[in-house]
Amino acid sequence: MKDSKDKTTEKEKGTKSKAVLFELFRSVKLTISLLILLAVFSIFGTVIKQNAPVEEYVQRYGDRLFELLDFFNLFDMYHSWWFIAVLLLLVINLITCSIHRLPGIWNQMVRGSGADGLEDSMAKVLPYVEKIQIRGSSRPETESEVEPEIRKWFKKVKRIEAPSAITLFSEKGRFSRLGVPISHLSIIIILIGALLGSIYGFRGFVNILEGETVDTVFLGGRKGEIPVPLSFALRLDDFKISYYDLPRREKLVKEYSSDITVLDNGKEVLKKTVRVNHPLHYKGLAFYQSSYGALHDVKLGFQWKGQKEKTLIIGSEGETIRVPNANLQIRVLKFEHDLQNFGEGVQVALFKPGERPRTYWVLKEHPQVSQPKDEAFVLTFEGVTEKEYTGLQATKDPGVWVVWTGCGLLILGLIVSFFFSHEKIWIRFPKGPGGEIVFAGSASKNRISYEKKFQGLVERIRQRTTKR
């Protein structure tokens, strides 16, 4: 006996625990709390720059504050476990609310409303009730006059016969009660799509020189660029840029675009001109035109003072070059087409063992202007080769179509909720001559509009019955 009582007690405890959890997850307070949390987190995600290099964060916030913010993963919060957990809780909350409310809504839609006719007890609780006294007319004649008036408003009229009266019942817009569940479902779908994009999606970038082919994109992160290999390759066939024709002003860019060829297994499968807001789509990835620029291969001349022999060295911007037969290195920092009206120039950094780097400009037309006089050599700017490149943003979001589906359902749910109403009307006639006609009605929404229709119907019937 004790074992059976213990098992019963355990079952009751389990049932109570489930009930408590269900009440917690369907709570409106929980919904509001989660929405406030998401709003606060979004503010943090807007104020704090996401996925920047560690050095930038340390410089901006300092070591201690950086460690604190990094501990809570606020530098990549949209992929953090706690942000995803809040989204999951909101999904569970909405599902639980829908499960709780849907049976009642469904019963209101499918049950036979008014199937037992209009009773006096029912008329007392309905919001709209009117009565008309019948004088000198039989019930069949009055019923035949009322039914066509109802059909102007409602399509189907149901006749319910009781021992003492006949009721005409009609309704429309049952489906309008599904507006709220459809809206809830759409938000759940949108959140699921956002979770899919957050977990499985990414946003990277790639720079492609004209004529070159790449098969890797790079994700920006706090620990540097992360390469992500593609299952196909992109080739930049041509980069084009156009300017506005504005005399006596600086050149303003009108449009820039990239002619891209997609190579899959070495074969050309797609050609597309990528412009701003006109991306290339292939295999679930979208490539957007985001930037452009040029890389410069600079040719420098290195010559020891007092000697005629000159050594040519070539390097790209950002590249460090070791000078032959010399214990030093030169890094090409930046090229300028016109440096303060002195013409073409290149900025270089000089590295010597045991000394701090020295930075200075080498001018093509005026090689002696900025040369350090205490060096035993002379650098000259011999020429430059310019290569244009395009900057593409690569985006993968497997949840984007899920989100769009949810948005479509949300629009449908809002239309059903705000523009349709579940409207009902009952008209009860007494059997036999005399008595009174009882009008009763209800509407789930747009009650002012319904009341006008209801009163108009009653007045038309009143006028017909008083004329006889």
Protein backbone atom coordinates (compact mmCIF):
# COMPACT_ATOMS: atom_id res chain seq x y z
CA MET A 1 0.00 0.00 0.00
CA LYS A 2 2.84 2.36 0.89
CA ASP A 3 4.54 1.73 -2.46
CA SER A 4 1.37 2.55 -4.40
CA LYS A 5 0.85 5.70 -2.31
CA ASP A 6 4.46 6.73 -2.91
CA LYS A 7 4.07 6.18 -6.66
CA THR A 8 0.85 8.19 -6.67
CA THR A 9 2.57 10.98 -4.74
CA GLU A 10 5.49 11.00 -7.19
CA LYS A 11 3.08 11.18 -10.14
CA GLU A 12 1.21 14.06 -8.51
CA LYS A 13 4.50 15.89 -7.88
CA GLY A 14 5.55 15.31 -11.49
CA THR A 15 2.19 16.56 -12.76
CA LYS A 16 2.39 19.66 -10.54
CA SER A 17 5.94 20.38 -11.69
CA LYS A 18 4.87 20.15 -15.33
CA ALA A 19 1.91 22.42 -14.63
CA VAL A 20 4.15 24.98 -12.90
CA LEU A 21 6.62 24.92 -15.81
CA PHE A 22 3.79 25.26 -18.31
CA GLU A 23 2.34 28.24 -16.43
CA LEU A 24 5.79 29.82 -16.25
CA PHE A 25 6.51 29.47 -19.96
CA ARG A 26 3.09 30.72 -21.05
CA SER A 27 3.35 33.78 -18.83
CA VAL A 28 2.95 37.17 -20.51
CA LYS A 29 5.37 38.56 -17.91
CA LEU A 30 8.03 36.18 -19.21
CA THR A 31 7.36 37.38 -22.78
CA ILE A 32 7.75 41.03 -21.77
CA SER A 33 10.89 40.28 -19.76
CA LEU A 34 12.52 38.44 -22.67
CA LEU A 35 11.65 41.24 -25.11
CA ILE A 36 13.16 43.82 -22.74
CA LEU A 37 16.30 41.67 -22.43
CA LEU A 38 16.62 41.44 -26.21
CA ALA A 39 16.20 45.21 -26.50
CA VAL A 40 18.92 45.83 -23.90
CA PHE A 41 21.27 43.32 -25.56
CA SER A 42 20.66 44.95 -28.94
CA ILE A 43 21.69 48.30 -27.43
CA PHE A 44 24.96 46.73 -26.23
CA GLY A 45 25.48 45.18 -29.67
CA THR A 46 24.99 48.59 -31.29
CA VAL A 47 27.18 50.59 -28.90
CA ILE A 48 30.01 48.02 -28.72
CA LYS A 49 31.62 47.33 -32.09
CA GLN A 50 31.39 43.65 -32.92
CA ASN A 51 34.21 41.37 -34.11
CA ALA A 52 36.93 44.02 -34.16
CA PRO A 53 40.60 43.11 -33.56
CA VAL A 54 41.72 42.60 -29.95
CA GLU A 55 44.19 45.49 -30.18
CA GLU A 56 41.38 47.92 -31.01
CA TYR A 57 39.36 46.82 -27.98
CA VAL A 58 42.34 47.04 -25.63
CA GLN A 59 43.19 50.50 -26.91
CA ARG A 60 39.61 51.69 -26.50
CA TYR A 61 38.60 50.07 -23.18
CA GLY A 62 41.85 49.21 -21.43
CA ASP A 63 42.98 45.80 -20.20
CA ARG A 64 40.61 45.33 -17.25
CA LEU A 65 37.42 46.48 -18.94
CA PHE A 66 38.37 44.48 -22.04
CA GLU A 67 38.70 41.30 -19.97
CA LEU A 68 35.32 41.95 -18.31
CA LEU A 69 33.51 42.58 -21.60
CA ASP A 70 35.27 39.64 -23.22
CA PHE A 71 34.21 37.37 -20.34
CA PHE A 72 30.55 38.12 -21.15
CA ASN A 73 31.28 37.72 -24.87
CA LEU A 74 30.00 41.23 -25.65
CA PHE A 75 32.35 41.56 -28.61
CA ASP A 76 30.48 38.83 -30.49
CA MET A 77 27.22 38.82 -28.58
CA TYR A 78 24.93 37.73 -31.43
CA HIS A 79 26.74 34.38 -31.49
CA SER A 80 27.04 34.05 -27.70
CA TRP A 81 25.35 31.19 -25.89
CA TRP A 82 23.32 33.52 -23.65
CA PHE A 83 21.88 35.53 -26.56
CA ILE A 84 20.90 32.32 -28.36
CA ALA A 85 19.43 31.02 -25.06
CA VAL A 86 17.20 34.10 -24.75
CA LEU A 87 15.95 33.59 -28.32
CA LEU A 88 15.23 29.92 -27.58
CA LEU A 89 13.34 30.86 -24.40
CA LEU A 90 11.24 33.32 -26.40
CA VAL A 91 10.47 30.62 -28.97
CA ILE A 92 9.41 28.20 -26.21
CA ASN A 93 7.34 30.95 -24.57
CA LEU A 94 5.46 31.71 -27.80
CA ILE A 95 4.89 28.03 -28.55
CA THR A 96 3.53 27.45 -25.04
CA CYS A 97 1.20 30.46 -25.28
CA SER A 98 -0.07 29.21 -28.64
CA ILE A 99 -0.65 25.70 -27.31
CA HIS A 100 -2.62 27.16 -24.40
CA ARG A 101 -4.84 29.42 -26.51
CA LEU A 102 -5.26 27.43 -29.71
CA PRO A 103 -7.82 24.83 -28.47
CA GLY A 104 -10.22 27.57 -27.35
CA ILE A 105 -9.84 29.45 -30.61
CA TRP A 106 -10.30 26.27 -32.59
CA ASN A 107 -13.47 25.36 -30.67
CA GLN A 108 -14.91 28.80 -31.39
CA MET A 109 -14.25 28.26 -35.08
CA VAL A 110 -15.56 24.73 -35.58
CA ARG A 111 -18.38 24.38 -33.08
CA GLY A 112 -21.96 25.01 -34.22
CA SER A 113 -22.54 28.51 -32.88
CA GLY A 114 -26.21 29.17 -32.29
CA ALA A 115 -27.16 25.58 -33.15
CA ASP A 116 -29.70 25.45 -30.32
CA GLY A 117 -31.40 28.70 -31.31
CA LEU A 118 -31.56 31.99 -29.44
CA GLU A 119 -32.54 31.51 -25.79
CA ASP A 120 -33.42 34.32 -23.38
CA SER A 121 -30.40 33.53 -21.20
CA MET A 122 -28.15 33.82 -24.23
CA ALA A 123 -29.70 37.11 -25.34
CA LYS A 124 -28.91 38.66 -21.94
CA VAL A 125 -25.14 38.23 -22.40
CA LEU A 126 -24.87 39.22 -26.07
CA PRO A 127 -23.73 42.83 -26.65
CA TYR A 128 -26.32 43.78 -29.29
CA VAL A 129 -30.00 42.99 -28.74
CA GLU A 130 -33.09 44.65 -30.31
CA LYS A 131 -36.81 43.71 -30.32
CA ILE A 132 -39.65 44.47 -32.76
CA GLN A 133 -43.31 43.89 -32.02
CA ILE A 134 -45.22 42.02 -34.74
CA ARG A 135 -48.67 43.41 -35.47
CA GLY A 136 -51.17 41.79 -37.74
CA SER A 137 -48.79 39.62 -39.68
CA SER A 138 -48.10 35.96 -39.62
CA ARG A 139 -44.69 34.54 -38.82
CA PRO A 140 -44.01 32.99 -42.29
CA GLU A 141 -44.54 36.32 -44.03
CA THR A 142 -42.22 38.13 -41.67
CA GLU A 143 -39.56 35.41 -41.95
CA SER A 144 -39.60 35.61 -45.75
CA GLU A 145 -39.04 39.35 -45.54
CA VAL A 146 -36.16 39.13 -43.07
CA GLU A 147 -34.11 36.37 -44.74
CA PRO A 148 -33.26 38.36 -47.93
CA GLU A 149 -32.06 41.25 -45.75
CA ILE A 150 -29.74 38.93 -43.87
CA ARG A 151 -28.32 37.54 -47.13
CA LYS A 152 -27.21 41.04 -48.14
CA TRP A 153 -24.81 40.92 -45.20
CA PHE A 154 -24.23 37.19 -44.67
CA LYS A 155 -24.13 34.55 -47.37
CA LYS A 156 -25.52 31.49 -45.57
CA VAL A 157 -28.54 31.53 -43.27
CA LYS A 158 -29.28 28.60 -40.96
CA ARG A 159 -32.88 27.93 -39.86
CA ILE A 160 -33.23 26.47 -36.33
CA GLU A 161 -36.70 25.35 -35.25
CA ALA A 162 -37.69 25.05 -31.59
CA PRO A 163 -41.06 24.23 -30.02
CA SER A 164 -42.00 27.88 -29.43
CA ALA A 165 -39.88 29.83 -31.92
CA ILE A 166 -37.86 29.78 -35.10
CA THR A 167 -34.33 31.25 -35.19
CA LEU A 168 -32.42 32.38 -38.24
CA PHE A 169 -28.69 32.29 -37.59
CA SER A 170 -25.77 33.40 -39.73
CA GLU A 171 -22.10 34.17 -39.24
CA LYS A 172 -18.99 35.02 -41.22
CA GLY A 173 -15.29 35.49 -40.62
CA ARG A 174 -14.66 32.46 -38.39
CA PHE A 175 -11.11 32.31 -39.74
CA SER A 176 -10.40 35.81 -38.35
CA ARG A 177 -9.81 34.24 -34.94
CA LEU A 178 -6.69 32.63 -36.41
CA GLY A 179 -5.02 36.04 -36.79
CA VAL A 180 -3.27 35.90 -33.41
CA PRO A 181 -2.05 32.27 -33.74
CA ILE A 182 -0.76 33.01 -37.25
CA SER A 183 1.12 36.06 -35.89
CA HIS A 184 2.58 33.96 -33.07
CA LEU A 185 3.63 31.27 -35.55
CA SER A 186 5.24 33.86 -37.81
CA ILE A 187 7.31 35.29 -34.94
CA ILE A 188 8.41 31.77 -33.98
CA ILE A 189 9.48 31.11 -37.59
CA ILE A 190 11.36 34.44 -37.73
CA LEU A 191 13.20 33.61 -34.50
CA ILE A 192 14.08 30.13 -35.77
CA GLY A 193 15.41 31.69 -38.97
CA ALA A 194 17.48 34.14 -36.92
CA LEU A 195 18.89 31.26 -34.87
CA LEU A 196 19.82 29.34 -38.03
CA GLY A 197 21.59 32.40 -39.41
CA SER A 198 23.36 33.04 -36.11
CA ILE A 199 24.60 29.47 -35.70
CA TYR A 200 25.32 28.39 -39.28
CA GLY A 201 25.76 31.68 -41.14
CA PHE A 202 28.72 34.02 -41.49
CA ARG A 203 29.77 37.32 -43.03
CA GLY A 204 33.21 37.65 -44.58
CA PHE A 205 35.09 39.59 -47.22
CA VAL A 206 37.53 39.05 -50.05
CA ASN A 207 39.62 41.32 -52.28
CA ILE A 208 40.21 40.18 -55.87
CA LEU A 209 42.71 41.74 -58.26
CA GLU A 210 41.74 42.11 -61.90
CA GLY A 211 42.40 38.88 -63.77
CA GLU A 212 43.00 36.87 -60.59
CA THR A 213 40.99 34.01 -59.12
CA VAL A 214 40.23 33.32 -55.44
CA ASP A 215 38.62 30.37 -53.68
CA THR A 216 38.74 31.64 -50.08
CA VAL A 217 36.93 34.33 -48.11
CA PHE A 218 38.04 35.78 -44.78
CA LEU A 219 36.02 36.29 -41.61
CA GLY A 220 36.91 39.24 -39.44
CA GLY A 221 37.42 38.31 -35.83
CA ARG A 222 39.08 39.41 -32.62
CA LYS A 223 41.94 37.00 -33.24
CA GLY A 224 42.54 38.13 -36.81
CA GLU A 225 41.25 37.09 -40.19
CA ILE A 226 39.94 33.54 -40.42
CA PRO A 227 40.13 31.92 -43.89
CA VAL A 228 37.05 30.01 -45.05
CA PRO A 229 37.58 27.90 -48.20
CA LEU A 230 34.86 27.88 -50.86
CA SER A 231 33.78 24.89 -52.96
CA PHE A 232 34.14 27.08 -56.06
CA ALA A 233 36.27 29.99 -57.27
CA LEU A 234 35.63 33.60 -58.29
CA ARG A 235 37.50 35.38 -61.06
CA LEU A 236 37.49 39.16 -61.52
CA ASP A 237 37.34 39.74 -65.27
CA ASP A 238 36.97 43.52 -65.13
CA PHE A 239 36.45 46.29 -62.61
CA LYS A 240 34.69 49.44 -63.79
CA ILE A 241 34.20 52.79 -62.11
CA SER A 242 32.39 55.89 -63.39
CA TYR A 243 32.31 59.46 -62.08
CA TYR A 244 29.84 62.32 -62.14
CA ASP A 245 30.63 64.99 -64.73
CA LEU A 246 31.07 67.96 -62.39
CA PRO A 247 33.40 70.69 -63.68
CA ARG A 248 35.86 72.36 -61.30
CA ARG A 249 35.18 69.87 -58.55
CA GLU A 250 36.74 66.75 -57.18
CA LYS A 251 35.79 63.53 -58.86
CA LEU A 252 32.71 61.99 -57.25
CA VAL A 253 32.12 58.30 -57.80
CA LYS A 254 28.86 57.60 -59.60
CA GLU A 255 28.99 53.80 -59.74
CA TYR A 256 31.45 50.96 -59.51
CA SER A 257 30.93 47.36 -60.56
CA SER A 258 32.75 44.06 -60.98
CA ASP A 259 32.42 41.51 -63.77
CA ILE A 260 32.70 38.19 -61.91
CA THR A 261 32.95 34.67 -63.33
CA VAL A 262 32.15 31.68 -61.11
CA LEU A 263 34.34 28.63 -61.69
CA ASP A 264 33.13 25.27 -60.38
CA ASN A 265 35.42 22.29 -60.88
CA GLY A 266 37.42 24.44 -63.28
CA LYS A 267 34.42 25.20 -65.51
CA GLU A 268 32.74 28.57 -66.00
CA VAL A 269 29.22 28.16 -64.64
CA LEU A 270 28.05 31.75 -64.11
CA LYS A 271 28.90 35.30 -65.16
CA LYS A 272 27.50 38.26 -63.26
CA THR A 273 28.10 42.00 -63.05
CA VAL A 274 28.07 42.78 -59.34
CA ARG A 275 26.93 46.27 -58.39
CA VAL A 276 25.95 47.89 -55.11
CA ASN A 277 22.68 46.23 -53.97
CA HIS A 278 22.89 43.80 -56.92
CA PRO A 279 24.74 40.79 -55.47
CA LEU A 280 25.90 37.53 -56.97
CA HIS A 281 24.17 34.44 -55.56
CA TYR A 282 25.68 30.98 -55.81
CA LYS A 283 25.39 27.86 -53.66
CA GLY A 284 23.76 29.63 -50.73
CA LEU A 285 26.27 32.50 -50.64
CA ALA A 286 25.72 36.11 -51.65
CA PHE A 287 28.56 38.36 -52.78
CA TYR A 288 27.94 42.11 -52.45
CA GLN A 289 29.99 44.93 -53.94
CA SER A 290 31.34 46.70 -50.87
CA SER A 291 34.63 48.43 -51.69
CA TYR A 292 37.33 48.90 -54.25
CA GLY A 293 40.91 50.09 -54.49
CA ALA A 294 44.26 49.57 -56.10
CA LEU A 295 47.48 47.78 -55.17
CA HIS A 296 50.75 49.26 -56.26
CA ASP A 297 53.90 47.36 -57.16
CA VAL A 298 56.64 49.92 -56.58
CA LYS A 299 60.07 49.79 -58.25
CA LEU A 300 62.85 51.36 -56.17
CA GLY A 301 66.47 52.00 -56.99
CA PHE A 302 69.09 51.33 -54.28
CA GLN A 303 72.54 52.87 -54.77
CA TRP A 304 75.48 53.23 -52.40
CA LYS A 305 76.88 56.75 -52.32
CA GLY A 306 80.01 57.11 -54.40
CA GLN A 307 79.17 54.06 -56.56
CA LYS A 308 77.57 53.97 -60.00
CA GLU A 309 75.93 50.56 -59.69
CA LYS A 310 72.19 50.71 -58.88
CA THR A 311 70.14 47.77 -57.63
CA LEU A 312 66.45 47.61 -58.57
CA ILE A 313 64.06 46.22 -55.96
CA ILE A 314 60.31 45.70 -56.40
CA GLY A 315 57.72 45.45 -53.66
CA SER A 316 53.97 45.82 -53.16
CA GLU A 317 52.33 48.07 -50.58
CA GLY A 318 52.72 46.48 -47.18
CA GLU A 319 55.55 44.18 -48.32
CA THR A 320 58.97 44.11 -46.64
CA ILE A 321 61.94 43.66 -48.99
CA ARG A 322 65.45 42.57 -48.09
CA VAL A 323 68.05 44.65 -49.92
CA PRO A 324 70.66 42.47 -51.66
CA ASN A 325 74.21 42.69 -50.28
CA ALA A 326 73.08 44.97 -47.43
CA ASN A 327 72.12 44.31 -43.84
CA LEU A 328 68.82 46.20 -44.01
CA GLN A 329 65.19 45.84 -45.07
CA ILE A 330 62.74 48.25 -46.69
CA ARG A 331 58.98 48.12 -46.27
CA VAL A 332 56.77 49.84 -48.86
CA LEU A 333 54.08 51.60 -46.86
CA LYS A 334 52.05 53.81 -49.16
CA PHE A 335 51.97 55.21 -52.69
CA GLU A 336 50.56 58.63 -53.62
CA HIS A 337 49.90 59.91 -57.13
CA ASP A 338 50.50 63.52 -56.08
CA LEU A 339 52.10 64.23 -52.73
CA GLN A 340 51.47 67.90 -51.86
CA ASN A 341 52.05 68.98 -55.48
CA PHE A 342 55.48 67.27 -55.59
CA GLY A 343 54.22 64.52 -57.90
CA GLU A 344 54.39 60.79 -57.37
CA GLY A 345 55.86 59.53 -54.13
CA VAL A 346 56.17 56.39 -52.04
CA GLN A 347 56.48 56.16 -48.28
CA VAL A 348 58.96 53.59 -47.03
CA ALA A 349 60.18 52.31 -43.66
CA LEU A 350 63.84 51.46 -43.21
CA PHE A 351 64.80 48.62 -40.83
CA LYS A 352 68.34 48.19 -39.52
CA PRO A 353 69.50 45.73 -36.85
CA GLY A 354 69.51 47.31 -33.39
CA GLU A 355 67.91 50.57 -34.57
CA ARG A 356 64.39 51.95 -34.59
CA PRO A 357 62.62 51.95 -37.96
CA ARG A 358 62.88 55.19 -39.93
CA THR A 359 60.05 56.40 -42.14
CA TYR A 360 60.32 58.87 -44.99
CA TRP A 361 59.01 59.66 -48.48
CA VAL A 362 60.84 59.02 -51.75
CA LEU A 363 59.73 61.39 -54.53
CA LYS A 364 60.08 60.48 -58.18
CA GLU A 365 60.72 63.99 -59.51
CA HIS A 366 62.62 65.31 -56.47
CA PRO A 367 64.66 62.39 -55.10
CA GLN A 368 66.86 64.59 -52.86
CA VAL A 369 64.07 66.46 -51.04
CA SER A 370 63.35 64.02 -48.24
CA GLN A 371 66.35 61.66 -48.39
CA PRO A 372 68.06 61.17 -45.01
CA LYS A 373 71.49 62.72 -45.41
CA ASP A 374 73.17 60.55 -42.80
CA GLU A 375 72.60 57.32 -44.74
CA ALA A 376 75.31 55.74 -46.88
CA PHE A 377 72.91 55.03 -49.71
CA VAL A 378 70.31 56.74 -51.89
CA LEU A 379 66.82 55.47 -52.71
CA THR A 380 65.13 56.51 -55.94
CA PHE A 381 61.57 55.98 -57.13
CA GLU A 382 61.82 54.29 -60.54
CA GLY A 383 58.16 53.52 -61.32
CA VAL A 384 54.91 51.92 -60.23
CA THR A 385 52.48 49.35 -61.57
CA GLU A 386 48.86 49.79 -60.46
CA LYS A 387 46.43 46.89 -60.14
CA GLU A 388 42.78 47.57 -59.36
CA TYR A 389 40.93 45.25 -57.04
CA THR A 390 37.34 44.82 -55.97
CA GLY A 391 36.20 44.25 -52.40
CA LEU A 392 33.31 41.81 -52.04
CA GLN A 393 31.35 41.04 -48.91
CA ALA A 394 30.48 37.35 -48.71
CA THR A 395 27.36 36.45 -46.75
CA LYS A 396 25.92 33.08 -45.91
CA ASP A 397 22.58 33.01 -44.09
CA PRO A 398 20.74 29.67 -44.27
CA GLY A 399 17.88 31.16 -42.28
CA VAL A 400 17.10 34.06 -44.61
CA TRP A 401 14.26 32.30 -46.44
CA VAL A 402 12.88 31.05 -43.14
CA VAL A 403 12.82 34.67 -41.95
CA TRP A 404 11.13 35.84 -45.17
CA THR A 405 8.52 33.07 -44.78
CA GLY A 406 7.87 34.26 -41.23
CA CYS A 407 7.55 37.87 -42.41
CA GLY A 408 4.98 36.82 -45.01
CA LEU A 409 2.99 34.95 -42.37
CA LEU A 410 3.24 37.95 -40.04
CA ILE A 411 1.72 40.23 -42.69
CA LEU A 412 -1.05 37.66 -43.27
CA GLY A 413 -1.70 37.39 -39.53
CA LEU A 414 -1.90 41.18 -39.12
CA ILE A 415 -4.29 41.48 -42.08
CA VAL A 416 -6.53 38.75 -40.68
CA SER A 417 -6.39 40.28 -37.19
CA PHE A 418 -7.13 43.89 -38.10
CA PHE A 419 -9.25 43.72 -41.27
CA PHE A 420 -11.53 40.74 -40.58
CA SER A 421 -13.97 40.03 -37.78
CA HIS A 422 -15.98 37.03 -36.63
CA GLU A 423 -19.55 38.36 -36.82
CA LYS A 424 -22.75 36.55 -35.75
CA ILE A 425 -26.42 37.38 -35.85
CA TRP A 426 -29.54 35.66 -34.47
CA ILE A 427 -33.12 36.58 -35.37
CA ARG A 428 -35.86 34.78 -33.43
CA PHE A 429 -39.48 34.69 -34.59
CA PRO A 430 -42.37 33.46 -32.47
CA LYS A 431 -44.48 30.64 -33.87
CA GLY A 432 -47.91 31.92 -34.76
CA PRO A 433 -49.16 35.48 -35.18
CA GLY A 434 -48.19 38.33 -32.90
CA GLY A 435 -45.33 38.40 -30.45
CA GLU A 436 -41.93 39.97 -31.05
CA ILE A 437 -38.90 39.49 -33.22
CA VAL A 438 -35.64 39.37 -31.22
CA PHE A 439 -32.41 40.45 -32.90
CA ALA A 440 -29.07 39.57 -31.26
CA GLY A 441 -25.52 39.81 -32.48
CA SER A 442 -21.85 39.82 -31.60
CA ALA A 443 -18.51 40.67 -33.23
CA SER A 444 -14.96 39.79 -32.18
CA LYS A 445 -13.51 43.05 -33.62
CA ASN A 446 -14.51 46.24 -35.43
CA ARG A 447 -17.56 46.50 -33.19
CA ILE A 448 -18.42 50.06 -34.17
CA SER A 449 -18.77 49.00 -37.80
CA TYR A 450 -20.76 45.93 -36.79
CA GLU A 451 -23.12 47.99 -34.64
CA LYS A 452 -23.93 50.27 -37.59
CA LYS A 453 -24.74 47.27 -39.79
CA PHE A 454 -26.77 45.65 -37.04
CA GLN A 455 -28.86 48.76 -36.35
CA GLY A 456 -29.36 49.32 -40.09
CA LEU A 457 -30.74 45.79 -40.48
CA VAL A 458 -33.06 46.22 -37.50
CA GLU A 459 -34.40 49.55 -38.86
CA ARG A 460 -35.08 48.09 -42.30
CA ILE A 461 -37.01 45.18 -40.78
CA ARG A 462 -38.89 47.55 -38.45
CA GLN A 463 -39.96 49.72 -41.37
CA ARG A 464 -41.24 46.68 -43.30
CA THR A 465 -43.23 45.34 -40.38
CA THR A 466 -44.79 48.70 -39.43
CA LYS A 467 -46.01 49.38 -43.00
CA ARG A 468 -48.40 46.44 -42.93
